[in-house]
C-alpha atoms as a PDB file:
ATOM      1  CA  MET A   1      -8.543 -29.969  12.512  1.00  0.00           C
ATOM      2  CA  VAL A   2      -4.491 -30.128  12.084  1.00  0.00           C
ATOM      3  CA  ALA A   3      -4.536 -29.808   7.914  1.00  0.00           C
ATOM      4  CA  PRO A   4      -4.888 -26.606   6.708  1.00  0.00           C
ATOM      5  CA  ASP A   5      -6.953 -25.942   3.483  1.00  0.00           C
ATOM      6  CA  ALA A   6      -5.487 -25.796  -0.055  1.00  0.00           C
ATOM      7  CA  ARG A   7      -5.518 -22.113  -0.104  1.00  0.00           C
ATOM      8  CA  MET A   8      -3.794 -21.436   3.358  1.00  0.00           C
ATOM      9  CA  ALA A   9      -1.299 -24.016   2.181  1.00  0.00           C
ATOM     10  CA  ARG A  10      -0.085 -22.057  -0.857  1.00  0.00           C
ATOM     11  CA  MET A  11       0.409 -19.182   1.135  1.00  0.00           C
ATOM     12  CA  GLU A  12       4.157 -18.190   1.994  1.00  0.00           C
ATOM     13  CA  VAL A  13       4.712 -16.263   4.903  1.00  0.00           C
ATOM     14  CA  ASN A  14       8.030 -15.567   6.833  1.00  0.00           C
ATOM     15  CA  PRO A  15       7.496 -16.913  10.401  1.00  0.00           C
ATOM     16  CA  GLN A  16       9.855 -14.165  11.691  1.00  0.00           C
ATOM     17  CA  GLU A  17       7.304 -11.668  10.353  1.00  0.00           C
ATOM     18  CA  ILE A  18       4.366 -13.331  11.960  1.00  0.00           C
ATOM     19  CA  ASP A  19       3.141 -11.693  15.286  1.00  0.00           C
ATOM     20  CA  TRP A  20       2.838 -15.010  17.328  1.00  0.00           C
ATOM     21  CA  PRO A  21       1.166 -13.867  20.534  1.00  0.00           C
ATOM     22  CA  GLN A  22      -1.510 -12.280  18.380  1.00  0.00           C
ATOM     23  CA  LEU A  23      -1.877 -15.341  16.338  1.00  0.00           C
ATOM     24  CA  VAL A  24      -2.417 -17.525  19.313  1.00  0.00           C
ATOM     25  CA  ARG A  25      -5.088 -15.055  20.357  1.00  0.00           C
ATOM     26  CA  LEU A  26      -6.931 -15.276  17.120  1.00  0.00           C
ATOM     27  CA  CYS A  27      -6.698 -19.281  17.600  1.00  0.00           C
ATOM     28  CA  MET A  28      -8.250 -18.897  20.784  1.00  0.00           C
ATOM     29  CA  SER A  29     -11.056 -16.769  19.299  1.00  0.00           C
ATOM     30  CA  GLY A  30     -11.842 -19.886  16.780  1.00  0.00           C
ATOM     31  CA  ASP A  31      -9.804 -18.018  13.846  1.00  0.00           C
ATOM     32  CA  SER A  32      -9.387 -21.452  11.595  1.00  0.00           C
ATOM     33  CA  GLY A  33      -7.134 -19.503   9.180  1.00  0.00           C
ATOM     34  CA  ALA A  34      -4.784 -18.325  12.079  1.00  0.00           C
ATOM     35  CA  TRP A  35      -4.572 -22.156  13.487  1.00  0.00           C
ATOM     36  CA  ALA A  36      -3.825 -23.226  10.170  1.00  0.00           C
ATOM     37  CA  GLN A  37      -0.677 -20.910   9.914  1.00  0.00           C
ATOM     38  CA  LEU A  38       0.392 -22.187  13.126  1.00  0.00           C
ATOM     39  CA  VAL A  39       0.196 -25.602  12.124  1.00  0.00           C
ATOM     40  CA  ARG A  40       1.752 -25.169   8.730  1.00  0.00           C
ATOM     41  CA  THR A  41       4.651 -23.142  10.393  1.00  0.00           C
ATOM     42  CA  HIS A  42       5.495 -25.650  12.979  1.00  0.00           C
ATOM     43  CA  HIS A  43       4.348 -28.973  11.415  1.00  0.00           C
ATOM     44  CA  ARG A  44       7.575 -30.109  10.146  1.00  0.00           C
ATOM     45  CA  ARG A  45       9.558 -29.337  13.325  1.00  0.00           C
ATOM     46  CA  VAL A  46       7.214 -31.067  15.396  1.00  0.00           C
ATOM     47  CA  TYR A  47       7.082 -34.079  13.076  1.00  0.00           C
ATOM     48  CA  GLY A  48      10.807 -34.197  12.610  1.00  0.00           C
ATOM     49  CA  LEU A  49      11.252 -34.571  16.437  1.00  0.00           C
ATOM     50  CA  CYS A  50       8.726 -37.253  16.763  1.00  0.00           C
ATOM     51  CA  TYR A  51      10.404 -39.145  13.907  1.00  0.00           C
ATOM     52  CA  ARG A  52      13.790 -38.753  15.058  1.00  0.00           C
ATOM     53  CA  PHE A  53      13.022 -39.817  18.683  1.00  0.00           C
ATOM     54  CA  THR A  54      10.732 -42.661  17.582  1.00  0.00           C
ATOM     55  CA  GLY A  55      12.263 -43.779  14.203  1.00  0.00           C
ATOM     56  CA  ASN A  56       8.994 -44.947  13.096  1.00  0.00           C
ATOM     57  CA  PRO A  57       6.874 -42.534  10.267  1.00  0.00           C
ATOM     58  CA  ALA A  58       3.556 -43.996  11.526  1.00  0.00           C
ATOM     59  CA  ASP A  59       4.133 -43.332  15.038  1.00  0.00           C
ATOM     60  CA  ALA A  60       5.611 -39.771  14.102  1.00  0.00           C
ATOM     61  CA  GLU A  61       2.639 -38.955  12.407  1.00  0.00           C
ATOM     62  CA  ASP A  62       0.199 -40.040  14.920  1.00  0.00           C
ATOM     63  CA  LEU A  63       2.247 -38.411  17.767  1.00  0.00           C
ATOM     64  CA  THR A  64       2.228 -35.334  15.645  1.00  0.00           C
ATOM     65  CA  GLN A  65      -1.437 -35.162  15.506  1.00  0.00           C
ATOM     66  CA  ASP A  66      -1.462 -35.764  19.201  1.00  0.00           C
ATOM     67  CA  VAL A  67       1.015 -32.923  19.897  1.00  0.00           C
ATOM     68  CA  PHE A  68      -1.132 -30.410  17.831  1.00  0.00           C
ATOM     69  CA  LEU A  69      -4.294 -31.459  19.802  1.00  0.00           C
ATOM     70  CA  LYS A  70      -2.546 -31.140  22.925  1.00  0.00           C
ATOM     71  CA  ILE A  71      -1.363 -27.431  21.707  1.00  0.00           C
ATOM     72  CA  TYR A  72      -4.876 -26.308  20.575  1.00  0.00           C
ATOM     73  CA  SER A  73      -6.263 -27.636  24.080  1.00  0.00           C
ATOM     74  CA  ASN A  74      -3.520 -25.567  25.874  1.00  0.00           C
ATOM     75  CA  LEU A  75      -3.180 -22.265  23.996  1.00  0.00           C
ATOM     76  CA  THR A  76      -4.418 -20.369  27.162  1.00  0.00           C
ATOM     77  CA  SER A  77      -1.224 -21.670  28.706  1.00  0.00           C
ATOM     78  CA  PHE A  78       1.216 -20.324  26.231  1.00  0.00           C
ATOM     79  CA  ASP A  79       3.205 -17.177  28.234  1.00  0.00           C
ATOM     80  CA  THR A  80       5.001 -14.659  26.318  1.00  0.00           C
ATOM     81  CA  THR A  81       7.280 -13.781  29.263  1.00  0.00           C
ATOM     82  CA  ARG A  82       8.411 -17.315  29.571  1.00  0.00           C
ATOM     83  CA  GLY A  83       9.969 -18.046  26.113  1.00  0.00           C
ATOM     84  CA  SER A  84       9.050 -18.121  22.606  1.00  0.00           C
ATOM     85  CA  LEU A  85       6.149 -20.124  20.926  1.00  0.00           C
ATOM     86  CA  GLN A  86       8.891 -22.549  18.992  1.00  0.00           C
ATOM     87  CA  VAL A  87      10.265 -23.458  22.669  1.00  0.00           C
ATOM     88  CA  TRP A  88       6.668 -23.715  24.137  1.00  0.00           C
ATOM     89  CA  ILE A  89       5.628 -25.995  21.412  1.00  0.00           C
ATOM     90  CA  THR A  90       8.865 -27.824  21.369  1.00  0.00           C
ATOM     91  CA  THR A  91       8.329 -28.345  25.059  1.00  0.00           C
ATOM     92  CA  MET A  92       4.740 -29.598  24.592  1.00  0.00           C
ATOM     93  CA  THR A  93       6.250 -31.909  21.911  1.00  0.00           C
ATOM     94  CA  ARG A  94       9.095 -33.329  24.252  1.00  0.00           C
ATOM     95  CA  ASN A  95       6.693 -33.991  27.125  1.00  0.00           C
ATOM     96  CA  LEU A  96       4.130 -35.851  25.102  1.00  0.00           C
ATOM     97  CA  LEU A  97       7.035 -37.914  23.854  1.00  0.00           C
ATOM     98  CA  VAL A  98       8.506 -38.745  27.076  1.00  0.00           C
ATOM     99  CA  ASP A  99       4.875 -39.819  28.183  1.00  0.00           C
ATOM    100  CA  ASN A 100       4.657 -41.912  25.062  1.00  0.00           C
ATOM    101  CA  PHE A 101       8.125 -43.424  25.842  1.00  0.00           C
ATOM    102  CA  ARG A 102       7.124 -44.524  29.286  1.00  0.00           C
ATOM    103  CA  ARG A 103       3.779 -45.861  28.202  1.00  0.00           C
ATOM    104  CA  THR A 104       5.050 -48.088  25.562  1.00  0.00           C
ATOM    105  CA  ARG A 105       8.169 -49.304  27.200  1.00  0.00           C
ATOM    106  CA  ASN A 106       7.089 -53.190  27.605  1.00  0.00           C
ATOM    107  CA  GLN A 107       6.112 -52.929  23.918  1.00  0.00           C
ATOM    108  CA  ARG A 108       9.264 -51.646  22.702  1.00  0.00           C
ATOM    109  CA  ALA A 109      11.206 -54.164  24.934  1.00  0.00           C
ATOM    110  CA  THR A 110       9.870 -56.837  22.461  1.00  0.00           C
ATOM    111  CA  GLY A 111      10.454 -54.880  18.993  1.00  0.00           C
ATOM    112  CA  SER A 112      13.186 -53.695  16.888  1.00  0.00           C
ATOM    113  CA  LEU A 113      14.670 -50.201  17.624  1.00  0.00           C
ATOM    114  CA  ASP A 114      15.586 -49.944  14.135  1.00  0.00           C
ATOM    115  CA  GLU A 115      11.877 -50.360  12.876  1.00  0.00           C
ATOM    116  CA  GLY A 116      10.977 -47.614  10.248  1.00  0.00           C
ATOM    117  CA  TRP A 117      14.320 -45.974  10.049  1.00  0.00           C
ATOM    118  CA  GLU A 118      14.267 -46.139   6.124  1.00  0.00           C
ATOM    119  CA  THR A 119      10.584 -46.200   5.401  1.00  0.00           C
ATOM    120  CA  SER A 120      10.048 -42.113   5.657  1.00  0.00           C
ATOM    121  CA  GLU A 121       9.802 -40.385   2.291  1.00  0.00           C
ATOM    122  CA  GLU A 122       8.417 -36.918   3.949  1.00  0.00           C
ATOM    123  CA  LEU A 123      11.420 -36.138   5.995  1.00  0.00           C
ATOM    124  CA  SER A 124      14.922 -37.250   5.126  1.00  0.00           C
ATOM    125  CA  PRO A 125      16.711 -38.592   8.180  1.00  0.00           C
ATOM    126  CA  ILE A 126      19.482 -36.204   9.323  1.00  0.00           C
ATOM    127  CA  ASP A 127      19.051 -33.326   7.047  1.00  0.00           C
ATOM    128  CA  ARG A 128      22.565 -32.325   7.478  1.00  0.00           C
ATOM    129  CA  LEU A 129      24.069 -35.046   5.991  1.00  0.00           C
ATOM    130  CA  THR A 130      22.374 -34.792   2.725  1.00  0.00           C
ATOM    131  CA  SER A 131      22.679 -32.619  -0.268  1.00  0.00           C
ATOM    132  CA  GLN A 132      20.204 -31.314  -2.709  1.00  0.00           C
ATOM    133  CA  SER A 133      22.550 -31.856  -5.678  1.00  0.00           C
ATOM    134  CA  THR A 134      24.314 -35.114  -5.715  1.00  0.00           C
ATOM    135  CA  SER A 135      24.908 -37.969  -8.094  1.00  0.00           C
ATOM    136  CA  PRO A 136      23.110 -41.101  -7.905  1.00  0.00           C
ATOM    137  CA  HIS A 137      26.030 -42.845  -6.226  1.00  0.00           C
ATOM    138  CA  GLU A 138      26.670 -40.036  -3.843  1.00  0.00           C
ATOM    139  CA  ALA A 139      23.071 -40.250  -2.759  1.00  0.00           C
ATOM    140  CA  ALA A 140      23.031 -43.572  -2.237  1.00  0.00           C
ATOM    141  CA  ALA A 141      25.916 -43.363   0.073  1.00  0.00           C
ATOM    142  CA  GLN A 142      24.488 -40.234   1.740  1.00  0.00           C
ATOM    143  CA  LYS A 143      21.291 -42.472   2.334  1.00  0.00           C
ATOM    144  CA  GLU A 144      23.131 -45.160   3.768  1.00  0.00           C
ATOM    145  CA  LEU A 145      25.326 -43.069   6.173  1.00  0.00           C
ATOM    146  CA  ALA A 146      21.854 -41.261   7.264  1.00  0.00           C
ATOM    147  CA  SER A 147      20.375 -44.949   8.102  1.00  0.00           C
ATOM    148  CA  MET A 148      23.609 -45.827  10.037  1.00  0.00           C
ATOM    149  CA  VAL A 149      23.431 -42.475  12.105  1.00  0.00           C
ATOM    150  CA  GLN A 150      19.749 -43.009  12.726  1.00  0.00           C
ATOM    151  CA  SER A 151      20.263 -46.360  13.827  1.00  0.00           C
ATOM    152  CA  ALA A 152      22.908 -45.324  16.121  1.00  0.00           C
ATOM    153  CA  LEU A 153      20.832 -42.479  17.542  1.00  0.00           C
ATOM    154  CA  ALA A 154      18.161 -44.912  18.595  1.00  0.00           C
ATOM    155  CA  ARG A 155      20.865 -46.596  20.727  1.00  0.00           C
ATOM    156  CA  VAL A 156      21.813 -43.606  22.788  1.00  0.00           C
ATOM    157  CA  SER A 157      20.222 -43.110  26.163  1.00  0.00           C
ATOM    158  CA  VAL A 158      16.964 -40.954  25.748  1.00  0.00           C
ATOM    159  CA  GLU A 159      18.470 -38.237  28.207  1.00  0.00           C
ATOM    160  CA  LEU A 160      21.408 -37.735  25.844  1.00  0.00           C
ATOM    161  CA  ARG A 161      19.461 -38.504  22.597  1.00  0.00           C
ATOM    162  CA  GLU A 162      16.729 -35.742  23.070  1.00  0.00           C
ATOM    163  CA  ALA A 163      19.547 -33.218  24.016  1.00  0.00           C
ATOM    164  CA  VAL A 164      21.543 -34.020  20.857  1.00  0.00           C
ATOM    165  CA  ILE A 165      18.211 -33.929  18.546  1.00  0.00           C
ATOM    166  CA  LEU A 166      17.380 -30.434  20.034  1.00  0.00           C
ATOM    167  CA  ARG A 167      20.799 -29.057  19.452  1.00  0.00           C
ATOM    168  CA  ASP A 168      22.131 -30.690  16.375  1.00  0.00           C
ATOM    169  CA  LEU A 169      18.968 -31.444  14.503  1.00  0.00           C
ATOM    170  CA  GLN A 170      16.371 -28.912  15.540  1.00  0.00           C
ATOM    171  CA  ASP A 171      18.969 -25.940  16.169  1.00  0.00           C
ATOM    172  CA  LEU A 172      17.782 -24.732  19.466  1.00  0.00           C
ATOM    173  CA  ASP A 173      20.437 -23.005  21.423  1.00  0.00           C
ATOM    174  CA  TYR A 174      21.470 -24.145  24.762  1.00  0.00           C
ATOM    175  CA  LYS A 175      19.327 -21.501  26.653  1.00  0.00           C
ATOM    176  CA  GLU A 176      16.047 -22.996  24.740  1.00  0.00           C
ATOM    177  CA  ILE A 177      17.057 -26.428  25.297  1.00  0.00           C
ATOM    178  CA  ALA A 178      17.331 -25.957  29.170  1.00  0.00           C
ATOM    179  CA  GLN A 179      13.767 -24.454  28.830  1.00  0.00           C
ATOM    180  CA  VAL A 180      12.517 -27.288  27.049  1.00  0.00           C
ATOM    181  CA  LEU A 181      14.154 -30.061  29.230  1.00  0.00           C
ATOM    182  CA  GLY A 182      13.886 -28.063  32.602  1.00  0.00           C
ATOM    183  CA  ILE A 183      17.558 -28.423  33.307  1.00  0.00           C
ATOM    184  CA  PRO A 184      20.514 -25.859  33.961  1.00  0.00           C
ATOM    185  CA  GLU A 185      22.503 -24.909  30.701  1.00  0.00           C
ATOM    186  CA  GLY A 186      25.706 -26.763  32.147  1.00  0.00           C
ATOM    187  CA  THR A 187      23.685 -29.961  31.930  1.00  0.00           C
ATOM    188  CA  VAL A 188      22.807 -29.210  28.837  1.00  0.00           C
ATOM    189  CA  LYS A 189      26.032 -28.718  27.280  1.00  0.00           C
ATOM    190  CA  SER A 190      27.201 -32.105  29.256  1.00  0.00           C
ATOM    191  CA  ARG A 191      24.397 -33.879  27.682  1.00  0.00           C
ATOM    192  CA  ILE A 192      24.988 -32.945  24.325  1.00  0.00           C
ATOM    193  CA  SER A 193      28.928 -33.698  24.717  1.00  0.00           C
ATOM    194  CA  ARG A 194      28.201 -36.908  26.206  1.00  0.00           C
ATOM    195  CA  GLY A 195      25.466 -37.628  23.329  1.00  0.00           C
ATOM    196  CA  ARG A 196      27.841 -36.853  20.713  1.00  0.00           C
ATOM    197  CA  ALA A 197      30.462 -38.942  22.026  1.00  0.00           C
ATOM    198  CA  GLU A 198      28.311 -42.021  22.535  1.00  0.00           C
ATOM    199  CA  LEU A 199      26.870 -41.565  18.984  1.00  0.00           C
ATOM    200  CA  ALA A 200      30.303 -41.279  17.664  1.00  0.00           C
ATOM    201  CA  ARG A 201      31.289 -44.436  19.376  1.00  0.00           C
ATOM    202  CA  LEU A 202      28.435 -46.287  18.120  1.00  0.00           C
ATOM    203  CA  LEU A 203      28.970 -45.188  14.590  1.00  0.00           C
ATOM    204  CA  GLU A 204      32.682 -46.235  14.841  1.00  0.00           C
ATOM    205  CA  ARG A 205      31.544 -49.632  16.104  1.00  0.00           C
ATOM    206  CA  ASN A 206      28.819 -49.920  13.371  1.00  0.00           C
ATOM    207  CA  LYS A 207      31.492 -49.037  10.855  1.00  0.00           C
ATOM    208  CA  ARG A 208      33.926 -52.041  12.115  1.00  0.00           C
ATOM    209  CA  GLU A 209      31.011 -54.401  11.937  1.00  0.00           C
ATOM    210  CA  VAL A 210      30.301 -53.567   8.267  1.00  0.00           C
ATOM    211  CA  MET A 211      34.194 -53.585   7.051  1.00  0.00           C
END
């Protein structure tokens, strides 16, 4: 249900030009093309959030499928007066990730937090740290740096991690993050500041261990 057909996949549509409330109504009426458009536009963001939160490509793909199933079954609850479709989808994604985190807590306790950080080819970790035009040496250095950042991010506490991910990797503003997390904007700013500081501390420690 999630994957759009080949014809729809080739269409390039500016998300800003889409009437999202109307598209949601079409989805609820059973319009498969409208659903394919919604999924195609938001899939990368949802997958990116799942991947950066879990650090495992296979888990991220499974969770992405679960997110879109949840979105499809809850389309009637989307309310344009309470925020944008992007914020609503991010909230749905975040809630599912929190539920998954709690459900798999015991399993994670016996596994490695670093598992899977370097195995995703579909989405380069920490997009802002990479450039499209780099030499092989620079690309290797950037890949190593991205791996270090992802590894450190996995060790940041969950509440701080999700705030940093939503701000620095998902590009949501403070108001949108407050809506997603259900907390005041002041708390959002505090968590982002503390999360960045914790991430920097972990990166500095990792750097000293490598040298």
